[in-house]
Amino acid sequence: MIILGLILLLIGYLAGISLLYYIGGILLIVGLVLLVLGRVGRPVGGRKVWF
């Protein structure tokens, strides 16, 4: 999710499409939050480990 967010953020910025820019930013933030929650050992979505 973090990589997809970065890709959309870059495409939106370079192409001048603000919708892609905002969606990429949101995906990036959500991905980082899920990463932090997973790293501290908190179960995310009912699962402790995501493979």
PDB file of N, CA and C in Angstrom:
ATOM      1  N   MET A   1       0.824  -1.183   0.000  1.00  0.00           N
ATOM      2  CA  MET A   1       0.000   0.000   0.000  1.00  0.00           C
ATOM      3  C   MET A   1       0.874   1.254   0.000  1.00  0.00           C
ATOM      4  N   ILE A   2       1.992   1.160   0.677  1.00  0.00           N
ATOM      5  CA  ILE A   2       2.893   2.304   0.729  1.00  0.00           C
ATOM      6  C   ILE A   2       3.480   2.572  -0.660  1.00  0.00           C
ATOM      7  N   ILE A   3       3.877   1.511  -1.343  1.00  0.00           N
ATOM      8  CA  ILE A   3       4.461   1.672  -2.674  1.00  0.00           C
ATOM      9  C   ILE A   3       3.421   2.203  -3.653  1.00  0.00           C
ATOM     10  N   LEU A   4       2.202   1.684  -3.603  1.00  0.00           N
ATOM     11  CA  LEU A   4       1.133   2.178  -4.469  1.00  0.00           C
ATOM     12  C   LEU A   4       0.853   3.646  -4.182  1.00  0.00           C
ATOM     13  N   GLY A   5       0.849   4.026  -2.926  1.00  0.00           N
ATOM     14  CA  GLY A   5       0.639   5.421  -2.560  1.00  0.00           C
ATOM     15  C   GLY A   5       1.727   6.326  -3.118  1.00  0.00           C
ATOM     16  N   LEU A   6       2.981   5.873  -3.035  1.00  0.00           N
ATOM     17  CA  LEU A   6       4.084   6.658  -3.592  1.00  0.00           C
ATOM     18  C   LEU A   6       3.977   6.800  -5.105  1.00  0.00           C
ATOM     19  N   ILE A   7       3.623   5.705  -5.776  1.00  0.00           N
ATOM     20  CA  ILE A   7       3.490   5.750  -7.232  1.00  0.00           C
ATOM     21  C   ILE A   7       2.388   6.717  -7.638  1.00  0.00           C
ATOM     22  N   LEU A   8       1.230   6.619  -7.005  1.00  0.00           N
ATOM     23  CA  LEU A   8       0.126   7.519  -7.337  1.00  0.00           C
ATOM     24  C   LEU A   8       0.462   8.968  -6.995  1.00  0.00           C
ATOM     25  N   LEU A   9       1.178   9.154  -5.910  1.00  0.00           N
ATOM     26  CA  LEU A   9       1.589  10.501  -5.515  1.00  0.00           C
ATOM     27  C   LEU A   9       2.507  11.118  -6.563  1.00  0.00           C
ATOM     28  N   LEU A  10       3.462  10.352  -7.039  1.00  0.00           N
ATOM     29  CA  LEU A  10       4.381  10.849  -8.058  1.00  0.00           C
ATOM     30  C   LEU A  10       3.686  11.089  -9.399  1.00  0.00           C
ATOM     31  N   ILE A  11       2.842  10.155  -9.808  1.00  0.00           N
ATOM     32  CA  ILE A  11       2.117  10.325 -11.078  1.00  0.00           C
ATOM     33  C   ILE A  11       1.202  11.541 -11.003  1.00  0.00           C
ATOM     34  N   GLY A  12       0.512  11.694  -9.898  1.00  0.00           N
ATOM     35  CA  GLY A  12      -0.378  12.837  -9.734  1.00  0.00           C
ATOM     36  C   GLY A  12       0.368  14.155  -9.738  1.00  0.00           C
ATOM     37  N   TYR A  13       1.530  14.165  -9.122  1.00  0.00           N
ATOM     38  CA  TYR A  13       2.333  15.395  -9.073  1.00  0.00           C
ATOM     39  C   TYR A  13       2.910  15.735 -10.444  1.00  0.00           C
ATOM     40  N   LEU A  14       3.476  14.742 -11.108  1.00  0.00           N
ATOM     41  CA  LEU A  14       4.113  14.980 -12.402  1.00  0.00           C
ATOM     42  C   LEU A  14       3.105  15.273 -13.508  1.00  0.00           C
ATOM     43  N   ALA A  15       1.948  14.611 -13.470  1.00  0.00           N
ATOM     44  CA  ALA A  15       0.939  14.809 -14.509  1.00  0.00           C
ATOM     45  C   ALA A  15       0.015  15.984 -14.194  1.00  0.00           C
ATOM     46  N   GLY A  16       0.068  16.484 -12.990  1.00  0.00           N
ATOM     47  CA  GLY A  16      -0.792  17.609 -12.614  1.00  0.00           C
ATOM     48  C   GLY A  16      -2.228  17.210 -12.337  1.00  0.00           C
ATOM     49  N   ILE A  17      -2.428  15.934 -11.974  1.00  0.00           N
ATOM     50  CA  ILE A  17      -3.775  15.438 -11.659  1.00  0.00           C
ATOM     51  C   ILE A  17      -3.914  15.417 -10.139  1.00  0.00           C
ATOM     52  N   SER A  18      -4.649  16.363  -9.615  1.00  0.00           N
ATOM     53  CA  SER A  18      -4.732  16.511  -8.163  1.00  0.00           C
ATOM     54  C   SER A  18      -5.445  15.344  -7.496  1.00  0.00           C
ATOM     55  N   LEU A  19      -6.380  14.703  -8.180  1.00  0.00           N
ATOM     56  CA  LEU A  19      -7.106  13.584  -7.584  1.00  0.00           C
ATOM     57  C   LEU A  19      -6.145  12.427  -7.281  1.00  0.00           C
ATOM     58  N   LEU A  20      -5.273  12.096  -8.226  1.00  0.00           N
ATOM     59  CA  LEU A  20      -4.289  11.042  -7.985  1.00  0.00           C
ATOM     60  C   LEU A  20      -3.323  11.442  -6.879  1.00  0.00           C
ATOM     61  N   TYR A  21      -2.987  12.695  -6.824  1.00  0.00           N
ATOM     62  CA  TYR A  21      -2.077  13.204  -5.801  1.00  0.00           C
ATOM     63  C   TYR A  21      -2.673  12.995  -4.403  1.00  0.00           C
ATOM     64  N   TYR A  22      -3.936  13.330  -4.220  1.00  0.00           N
ATOM     65  CA  TYR A  22      -4.580  13.182  -2.914  1.00  0.00           C
ATOM     66  C   TYR A  22      -4.818  11.721  -2.556  1.00  0.00           C
ATOM     67  N   ILE A  23      -5.228  10.911  -3.521  1.00  0.00           N
ATOM     68  CA  ILE A  23      -5.433   9.488  -3.255  1.00  0.00           C
ATOM     69  C   ILE A  23      -4.114   8.825  -2.880  1.00  0.00           C
ATOM     70  N   GLY A  24      -3.047   9.183  -3.574  1.00  0.00           N
ATOM     71  CA  GLY A  24      -1.728   8.646  -3.242  1.00  0.00           C
ATOM     72  C   GLY A  24      -1.294   9.036  -1.847  1.00  0.00           C
ATOM     73  N   GLY A  25      -1.542  10.265  -1.455  1.00  0.00           N
ATOM     74  CA  GLY A  25      -1.200  10.708  -0.109  1.00  0.00           C
ATOM     75  C   GLY A  25      -1.979   9.969   0.959  1.00  0.00           C
ATOM     76  N   ILE A  26      -3.253   9.753   0.706  1.00  0.00           N
ATOM     77  CA  ILE A  26      -4.084   9.026   1.668  1.00  0.00           C
ATOM     78  C   ILE A  26      -3.616   7.582   1.799  1.00  0.00           C
ATOM     79  N   LEU A  27      -3.335   6.931   0.659  1.00  0.00           N
ATOM     80  CA  LEU A  27      -2.850   5.550   0.713  1.00  0.00           C
ATOM     81  C   LEU A  27      -1.503   5.459   1.419  1.00  0.00           C
ATOM     82  N   LEU A  28      -0.664   6.426   1.203  1.00  0.00           N
ATOM     83  CA  LEU A  28       0.637   6.443   1.860  1.00  0.00           C
ATOM     84  C   LEU A  28       0.485   6.562   3.376  1.00  0.00           C
ATOM     85  N   ILE A  29      -0.380   7.436   3.830  1.00  0.00           N
ATOM     86  CA  ILE A  29      -0.601   7.621   5.266  1.00  0.00           C
ATOM     87  C   ILE A  29      -1.221   6.372   5.891  1.00  0.00           C
ATOM     88  N   VAL A  30      -2.210   5.784   5.231  1.00  0.00           N
ATOM     89  CA  VAL A  30      -2.848   4.575   5.758  1.00  0.00           C
ATOM     90  C   VAL A  30      -1.838   3.431   5.808  1.00  0.00           C
ATOM     91  N   GLY A  31      -1.025   3.302   4.781  1.00  0.00           N
ATOM     92  CA  GLY A  31      -0.007   2.260   4.770  1.00  0.00           C
ATOM     93  C   GLY A  31       0.996   2.423   5.892  1.00  0.00           C
ATOM     94  N   LEU A  32       1.409   3.649   6.155  1.00  0.00           N
ATOM     95  CA  LEU A  32       2.355   3.896   7.240  1.00  0.00           C
ATOM     96  C   LEU A  32       1.744   3.613   8.604  1.00  0.00           C
ATOM     97  N   VAL A  33       0.462   3.964   8.779  1.00  0.00           N
ATOM     98  CA  VAL A  33      -0.229   3.679  10.048  1.00  0.00           C
ATOM     99  C   VAL A  33      -0.331   2.174  10.273  1.00  0.00           C
ATOM    100  N   LEU A  34      -0.695   1.430   9.221  1.00  0.00           N
ATOM    101  CA  LEU A  34      -0.788  -0.020   9.351  1.00  0.00           C
ATOM    102  C   LEU A  34       0.586  -0.635   9.618  1.00  0.00           C
ATOM    103  N   LEU A  35       1.619  -0.086   9.016  1.00  0.00           N
ATOM    104  CA  LEU A  35       2.972  -0.573   9.257  1.00  0.00           C
ATOM    105  C   LEU A  35       3.374  -0.373  10.718  1.00  0.00           C
ATOM    106  N   VAL A  36       3.092   0.801  11.244  1.00  0.00           N
ATOM    107  CA  VAL A  36       3.438   1.084  12.642  1.00  0.00           C
ATOM    108  C   VAL A  36       2.642   0.187  13.586  1.00  0.00           C
ATOM    109  N   LEU A  37       1.349   0.010  13.317  1.00  0.00           N
ATOM    110  CA  LEU A  37       0.539  -0.859  14.172  1.00  0.00           C
ATOM    111  C   LEU A  37       1.036  -2.295  14.135  1.00  0.00           C
ATOM    112  N   GLY A  38       1.436  -2.755  12.961  1.00  0.00           N
ATOM    113  CA  GLY A  38       1.962  -4.107  12.851  1.00  0.00           C
ATOM    114  C   GLY A  38       3.292  -4.273  13.550  1.00  0.00           C
ATOM    115  N   ARG A  39       4.127  -3.235  13.523  1.00  0.00           N
ATOM    116  CA  ARG A  39       5.451  -3.314  14.145  1.00  0.00           C
ATOM    117  C   ARG A  39       5.387  -3.341  15.671  1.00  0.00           C
ATOM    118  N   VAL A  40       4.374  -2.706  16.249  1.00  0.00           N
ATOM    119  CA  VAL A  40       4.291  -2.680  17.712  1.00  0.00           C
ATOM    120  C   VAL A  40       3.575  -3.910  18.256  1.00  0.00           C
ATOM    121  N   GLY A  41       3.147  -4.801  17.376  1.00  0.00           N
ATOM    122  CA  GLY A  41       2.530  -6.046  17.821  1.00  0.00           C
ATOM    123  C   GLY A  41       1.035  -5.987  17.990  1.00  0.00           C
ATOM    124  N   ARG A  42       0.428  -4.904  17.597  1.00  0.00           N
ATOM    125  CA  ARG A  42      -1.021  -4.791  17.721  1.00  0.00           C
ATOM    126  C   ARG A  42      -1.684  -5.508  16.552  1.00  0.00           C
ATOM    127  N   PRO A  43      -2.687  -6.362  16.817  1.00  0.00           N
ATOM    128  CA  PRO A  43      -3.367  -7.045  15.720  1.00  0.00           C
ATOM    129  C   PRO A  43      -4.141  -6.052  14.848  1.00  0.00           C
ATOM    130  N   VAL A  44      -3.997  -6.190  13.558  1.00  0.00           N
ATOM    131  CA  VAL A  44      -4.671  -5.309  12.597  1.00  0.00           C
ATOM    132  C   VAL A  44      -5.657  -6.160  11.805  1.00  0.00           C
ATOM    133  N   GLY A  45      -6.931  -5.840  11.862  1.00  0.00           N
ATOM    134  CA  GLY A  45      -7.935  -6.598  11.118  1.00  0.00           C
ATOM    135  C   GLY A  45      -8.135  -8.002  11.661  1.00  0.00           C
ATOM    136  N   GLY A  46      -7.873  -8.212  12.930  1.00  0.00           N
ATOM    137  CA  GLY A  46      -8.088  -9.522  13.523  1.00  0.00           C
ATOM    138  C   GLY A  46      -6.908 -10.475  13.343  1.00  0.00           C
ATOM    139  N   ARG A  47      -5.854 -10.028  12.667  1.00  0.00           N
ATOM    140  CA  ARG A  47      -4.688 -10.888  12.430  1.00  0.00           C
ATOM    141  C   ARG A  47      -3.461 -10.256  13.072  1.00  0.00           C
ATOM    142  N   LYS A  48      -2.657 -11.092  13.681  1.00  0.00           N
ATOM    143  CA  LYS A  48      -1.429 -10.583  14.290  1.00  0.00           C
ATOM    144  C   LYS A  48      -0.321 -10.406  13.268  1.00  0.00           C
ATOM    145  N   VAL A  49      -0.252 -11.304  12.296  1.00  0.00           N
ATOM    146  CA  VAL A  49       0.828 -11.287  11.318  1.00  0.00           C
ATOM    147  C   VAL A  49       0.242 -11.297   9.915  1.00  0.00           C
ATOM    148  N   TRP A  50       0.751 -10.440   9.061  1.00  0.00           N
ATOM    149  CA  TRP A  50       0.341 -10.421   7.651  1.00  0.00           C
ATOM    150  C   TRP A  50       1.512 -10.894   6.826  1.00  0.00           C
ATOM    151  N   PHE A  51       1.298 -11.900   6.026  1.00  0.00           N
ATOM    152  CA  PHE A  51       2.362 -12.418   5.155  1.00  0.00           C
ATOM    153  C   PHE A  51       2.102 -11.999   3.732  1.00  0.00           C
TER     154      PHE A  51
END
